[in-house]
Every structure is written in C-alpha cells, then in structure tokens.
Amino acid sequence: MHRTALVTGAGSGIGRACATALLQRGWRVALVGRNRSSLEATMELAAAAPSQAWVLPCDVSDEAHVTTTFADVQHHFGRLDLLFNNAGGGLGAQLPDEISGDAWRQVVDVNLNGAFYCLREAFRLMRHQQPQGGRIINNGSLSATTPRPGSIAYTATKHAITGLTKAAALDGRPFHIAVGQIDIGNAATDLTTGLAQGALQPDGSRRPEPRLDLDAVVSTFIAMAELPLSANVLFTTVMATNMPFVGRG
C-alpha cells in the first residue's frame, strides 16, 4: 500500500527538504503552500512523477480553503498517512508595544490557527479511513520552550503548538493517530542567513550563531515519520550544537 503524506510550507526551506526526502523514499506527497511556482519547483527538484506528487496551493490561515484541500487529498489519494504541519512565519524583532493587532493576528492565523485547521482535517481523515490511523508531526521551534528577544508573537504561537501537540496526541490514542513535535534550532535556510552575520542576544549584543545543516533536520524528521504507529516521538529537539540555547549559551 502506498504511503501518502501532506506537507504544508512545502515550497521552501524545511518543508521543501522534508517533502523531497519523502518523495525520494517512495511516498506520495501533497505539496501544500501559498505559491504554486515554489511548489512546482519542489516537485522538479525531487524529480517526482505527477502520480507521486501533487501541487496544492493553499493558504492555511483560510479555514474553508484548508477543508477543501484535505477533501481533495482524500479524493485524489484515497487516504492520508502523514501530515507535516510545517507552515509558519514570524515578525522582525519588535517589542510588545510595537506590534499592531493586525500583525499579531497575522502570525496567530498562520502559526496557530492554520496548524489547528490542518491538524483537525488530518485527524478527521485518519480517524475515519480504513485502515484507521496515521501520524501528525507539528513543526514547533526552540521558541516553543525558550524565546528570542523581540519575538513575542512567534514565541506565543510556538508555545501553543506544544499544547496542540499534547492534546492531539492524547485524543488520537483510541484511533491509532500518533502526534509528535519536532523543535528545530537554527536550520540553514534562506530565513536564517542573517544568523551568520549576527543575531540579537538577550544582553542586547549581536553575535554570529552557527546553523544546522538541513540534512540533519531531514534525517530526524524521517526517523519520526517512518516509525510504526505503535511508537511515537512525542517531542524531539534538533539544533546546531554550539548555538546559544542550553543554559546561558
């Protein structure tokens, strides 16, 4: 039986790398994101056949669009074995009183509401399909436990993802749905290029930080994704070894 996955934020960075790895390992993958051309580029990079990869533009903050997208996946592939709930974003470093309500809602709509909409629809498919069950992996962040300066919106949503993961893992037990979270620190993507030049530290200074090769992220993700449903990694952290995170840095 073909294994089927849906990856959000599949048009770049971590989402693209993990979707590509799944395709190369024989999974059928729904590539979900806002930009069709970026998703098509992921498909081309993976050298995936149209029968194996399906490009599905979707704004995860749009509840109705998410519901339709998952219904399309069910119709197209027949089942869903894995959701990588990866789409997300943040703001530049800002103090709490510098953030507008619109900016706050934008981050919450994608990082938390969007993650919930996708989890809900995946849970629905996995609960009712036969054979029953599947796996959901939420992309948290080191910010799910420890904030950076000036990151209140991003940090609040990533703390909330931890609650989402724990509650869904508990609710999924009777239905063979395993839910886990991967917290990633300083992955080497386009979004983290500034870290090499200098990142804002709690003492107000800016210092360069090491970054984590995406291969390490992908191998950790695949290890979680391909476990039998009788086993689950509830939380795991993969990070650049020497980044300032543990203790006082």
Protein backbone atom coordinates (compact mmCIF):
# COMPACT_ATOMS: atom_id res chain seq x y z
CA MET A 1 0.00 0.00 0.00
CA HIS A 2 1.30 3.44 -0.94
CA ARG A 3 2.07 5.77 1.95
CA THR A 4 0.62 9.24 1.50
CA ALA A 5 1.77 12.48 3.13
CA LEU A 6 0.73 16.12 3.10
CA VAL A 7 3.41 18.73 3.79
CA THR A 8 2.50 22.37 4.41
CA GLY A 9 5.02 25.06 3.60
CA ALA A 10 6.45 22.67 1.00
CA GLY A 11 7.66 25.40 -1.32
CA SER A 12 10.85 26.30 0.56
CA GLY A 13 13.23 25.55 3.42
CA ILE A 14 12.44 22.77 5.85
CA GLY A 15 9.14 21.89 4.16
CA ARG A 16 10.76 21.52 0.77
CA ALA A 17 13.63 19.43 2.13
CA CYS A 18 11.35 17.07 4.05
CA ALA A 19 8.84 16.73 1.21
CA THR A 20 11.69 15.93 -1.19
CA ALA A 21 13.01 13.26 1.17
CA LEU A 22 9.57 11.64 1.41
CA LEU A 23 9.21 11.60 -2.37
CA GLN A 24 12.65 10.06 -2.78
CA ARG A 25 11.65 7.33 -0.32
CA GLY A 26 8.58 6.41 -2.34
CA TRP A 27 5.86 8.33 -0.53
CA ARG A 28 3.06 10.03 -2.43
CA VAL A 29 3.09 13.66 -1.29
CA ALA A 30 0.61 16.53 -1.47
CA LEU A 31 2.74 19.68 -1.67
CA VAL A 32 0.83 22.47 0.05
CA GLY A 33 1.75 26.16 0.23
CA ARG A 34 0.68 29.59 -0.95
CA ASN A 35 2.89 29.86 -4.03
CA ARG A 36 2.24 27.43 -6.90
CA SER A 37 5.55 28.10 -8.67
CA SER A 38 7.53 27.35 -5.49
CA LEU A 39 5.64 24.08 -5.01
CA GLU A 40 6.27 23.14 -8.64
CA ALA A 41 9.97 23.84 -8.10
CA THR A 42 9.96 21.42 -5.16
CA MET A 43 8.38 18.76 -7.37
CA GLU A 44 11.01 19.34 -10.05
CA LEU A 45 13.89 19.21 -7.55
CA ALA A 46 12.62 15.87 -6.30
CA ALA A 47 12.24 14.58 -9.86
CA ALA A 48 8.80 13.34 -8.83
CA ALA A 49 6.25 11.94 -11.26
CA PRO A 50 2.80 13.61 -11.38
CA SER A 51 1.30 10.41 -9.99
CA GLN A 52 3.55 10.69 -6.93
CA ALA A 53 3.49 14.41 -6.13
CA TRP A 54 0.54 16.79 -6.28
CA VAL A 55 0.82 20.57 -6.09
CA LEU A 56 -1.98 22.11 -3.99
CA PRO A 57 -1.79 25.89 -3.45
CA CYS A 58 -3.47 26.72 -0.13
CA ASP A 59 -3.42 29.48 2.48
CA VAL A 60 -3.50 27.54 5.75
CA SER A 61 -4.94 30.55 7.58
CA ASP A 62 -8.11 30.20 5.46
CA GLU A 63 -10.26 27.58 7.23
CA ALA A 64 -12.53 26.87 4.26
CA HIS A 65 -9.54 26.54 1.91
CA VAL A 66 -7.87 24.05 4.26
CA THR A 67 -11.04 21.95 4.50
CA THR A 68 -11.35 21.84 0.71
CA THR A 69 -7.65 20.97 0.30
CA PHE A 70 -7.87 17.95 2.61
CA ALA A 71 -11.07 16.79 0.91
CA ASP A 72 -9.20 16.99 -2.42
CA VAL A 73 -6.36 14.90 -0.98
CA GLN A 74 -8.79 12.27 0.22
CA HIS A 75 -10.44 12.13 -3.20
CA HIS A 76 -7.12 12.09 -5.08
CA PHE A 77 -5.04 9.71 -2.94
CA GLY A 78 -7.76 7.84 -1.02
CA ARG A 79 -6.10 8.20 2.38
CA LEU A 80 -3.60 10.22 4.42
CA ASP A 81 -0.85 8.57 6.46
CA LEU A 82 1.22 11.60 7.46
CA LEU A 83 0.73 15.33 7.97
CA PHE A 84 3.80 17.51 8.41
CA ASN A 85 2.29 20.66 9.91
CA ASN A 86 5.17 22.88 8.91
CA ALA A 87 3.88 26.21 7.54
CA GLY A 88 4.68 29.21 9.71
CA GLY A 89 6.25 32.61 9.98
CA GLY A 90 7.02 35.50 12.28
CA LEU A 91 7.78 39.19 12.50
CA GLY A 92 11.07 41.01 12.69
CA ALA A 93 12.38 41.66 16.20
CA GLN A 94 9.91 44.00 17.91
CA LEU A 95 8.98 44.91 21.46
CA PRO A 96 5.43 44.05 22.54
CA ASP A 97 4.20 47.66 22.35
CA GLU A 98 5.48 47.98 18.78
CA ILE A 99 3.27 45.21 17.38
CA SER A 100 -0.08 46.11 15.84
CA GLY A 101 -3.16 43.98 16.29
CA ASP A 102 -3.14 43.17 12.58
CA ALA A 103 0.46 41.95 12.72
CA TRP A 104 -0.28 39.86 15.82
CA ARG A 105 -3.32 38.26 14.18
CA GLN A 106 -1.35 37.51 11.02
CA VAL A 107 1.16 35.39 12.96
CA VAL A 108 -1.53 33.69 15.04
CA ASP A 109 -3.64 32.96 11.95
CA VAL A 110 -0.81 31.09 10.22
CA ASN A 111 1.19 29.57 13.06
CA LEU A 112 -1.62 28.51 15.37
CA ASN A 113 -4.99 28.67 13.63
CA GLY A 114 -3.58 27.27 10.40
CA ALA A 115 -1.83 24.47 12.28
CA PHE A 116 -5.08 23.61 14.04
CA TYR A 117 -7.15 23.65 10.84
CA CYS A 118 -4.68 21.25 9.18
CA LEU A 119 -4.44 19.02 12.24
CA ARG A 120 -8.23 18.88 12.55
CA GLU A 121 -8.74 17.84 8.93
CA ALA A 122 -5.91 15.28 9.06
CA PHE A 123 -7.34 13.87 12.30
CA ARG A 124 -10.75 13.58 10.65
CA LEU A 125 -9.37 11.63 7.67
CA MET A 126 -7.17 9.39 9.78
CA ARG A 127 -9.94 8.62 12.25
CA HIS A 128 -12.43 7.51 9.60
CA GLN A 129 -10.23 5.87 6.95
CA GLN A 130 -9.52 2.16 6.73
CA PRO A 131 -7.05 1.00 7.88
CA GLN A 132 -7.56 3.58 10.60
CA GLY A 133 -4.83 5.90 11.85
CA GLY A 134 -1.86 7.96 10.78
CA ARG A 135 0.82 10.32 12.06
CA ILE A 136 0.88 14.09 12.55
CA ILE A 137 4.18 15.91 13.08
CA ASN A 138 3.97 19.54 14.17
CA ASN A 139 6.92 21.82 13.49
CA GLY A 140 7.48 23.62 16.78
CA SER A 141 10.70 25.54 17.33
CA LEU A 142 13.20 26.10 20.09
CA SER A 143 10.90 29.07 20.73
CA ALA A 144 8.31 26.53 21.91
CA THR A 145 10.32 26.49 25.14
CA THR A 146 12.73 29.45 25.01
CA PRO A 147 12.10 32.82 23.30
CA ARG A 148 14.46 35.07 21.43
CA PRO A 149 14.41 38.79 22.24
CA GLY A 150 11.67 40.65 20.39
CA SER A 151 9.73 37.52 19.35
CA ILE A 152 6.56 37.61 21.44
CA ALA A 153 4.10 36.76 18.64
CA TYR A 154 6.17 33.89 17.22
CA THR A 155 7.02 32.56 20.68
CA ALA A 156 3.43 32.63 21.91
CA THR A 157 2.22 30.65 18.92
CA LYS A 158 5.01 28.08 19.23
CA HIS A 159 4.26 27.60 22.93
CA ALA A 160 0.68 26.99 21.82
CA ILE A 161 1.83 24.35 19.31
CA THR A 162 3.18 22.37 22.25
CA GLY A 163 -0.29 22.36 23.81
CA LEU A 164 -1.80 21.43 20.45
CA THR A 165 0.62 18.50 20.18
CA LYS A 166 -0.01 17.17 23.68
CA ALA A 167 -3.80 17.41 23.44
CA ALA A 168 -3.97 15.85 19.98
CA ALA A 169 -1.58 13.05 20.97
CA LEU A 170 -3.91 12.19 23.84
CA ASP A 171 -7.07 12.43 21.74
CA GLY A 172 -5.51 10.38 18.94
CA ARG A 173 -4.72 7.30 21.03
CA PRO A 174 -8.04 5.44 20.53
CA PHE A 175 -7.81 5.95 16.75
CA HIS A 176 -4.17 4.91 16.11
CA ILE A 177 -3.21 8.54 15.42
CA ALA A 178 0.31 9.36 16.65
CA VAL A 179 1.07 13.06 17.14
CA GLY A 180 4.53 14.45 17.79
CA GLN A 181 6.55 17.65 17.55
CA ILE A 182 9.96 18.48 16.16
CA ASP A 183 11.67 21.57 17.61
CA ILE A 184 14.39 22.86 15.31
CA GLY A 185 17.13 25.35 16.13
CA ASN A 186 18.97 27.46 13.53
CA ALA A 187 18.29 25.30 10.48
CA ALA A 188 20.28 26.56 7.49
CA THR A 189 17.52 28.01 5.28
CA ASP A 190 17.04 31.32 3.49
CA LEU A 191 15.18 32.60 6.57
CA THR A 192 18.23 32.18 8.84
CA THR A 193 21.01 33.61 6.68
CA GLY A 194 21.21 36.64 8.97
CA LEU A 195 22.29 34.48 11.89
CA ALA A 196 25.75 34.09 10.38
CA GLN A 197 26.20 37.87 10.39
CA GLY A 198 24.84 38.39 13.88
CA ALA A 199 21.71 37.63 15.88
CA LEU A 200 20.25 39.74 18.67
CA GLN A 201 21.14 38.30 22.08
CA PRO A 202 19.38 38.81 25.45
CA ASP A 203 22.17 41.13 26.62
CA GLY A 204 21.50 43.44 23.69
CA SER A 205 24.58 42.47 21.71
CA ARG A 206 24.63 40.90 18.25
CA ARG A 207 26.72 37.81 17.71
CA PRO A 208 27.01 35.29 14.87
CA GLU A 209 25.39 31.91 15.54
CA PRO A 210 26.14 28.53 13.98
CA ARG A 211 23.49 26.95 11.77
CA LEU A 212 22.29 23.39 11.40
CA ASP A 213 22.60 21.58 8.08
CA LEU A 214 19.19 20.68 6.65
CA ASP A 215 20.28 17.06 6.20
CA ALA A 216 20.24 16.65 9.98
CA VAL A 217 16.72 18.05 10.15
CA VAL A 218 15.54 15.75 7.36
CA SER A 219 17.05 12.62 8.90
CA THR A 220 15.39 13.41 12.24
CA PHE A 221 12.05 14.06 10.55
CA ILE A 222 12.22 10.83 8.52
CA ALA A 223 13.04 8.82 11.64
CA MET A 224 9.86 10.17 13.24
CA ALA A 225 7.73 9.84 10.10
CA GLU A 226 8.55 6.20 9.40
CA LEU A 227 8.06 4.77 12.88
CA PRO A 228 5.30 2.19 13.23
CA LEU A 229 2.14 3.71 14.68
CA SER A 230 2.72 1.69 17.84
CA ALA A 231 5.65 4.04 18.57
CA ASN A 232 5.76 7.81 18.81
CA VAL A 233 8.35 10.52 19.35
CA LEU A 234 6.23 12.99 21.29
CA PHE A 235 8.90 15.73 21.33
CA THR A 236 12.37 15.94 19.88
CA THR A 237 14.89 18.77 19.52
CA VAL A 238 17.48 19.04 16.75
CA MET A 239 19.74 22.08 16.82
CA ALA A 240 23.14 23.46 15.93
CA THR A 241 25.38 22.03 18.65
CA ASN A 242 27.08 25.29 19.57
CA MET A 243 24.18 27.72 19.26
CA PRO A 244 23.40 29.79 22.38
CA PHE A 245 20.43 27.87 23.73
CA VAL A 246 21.36 25.46 26.50
CA GLY A 247 21.97 27.05 29.91
CA ARG A 248 23.41 30.53 29.49
CA GLY A 249 24.71 29.81 25.99
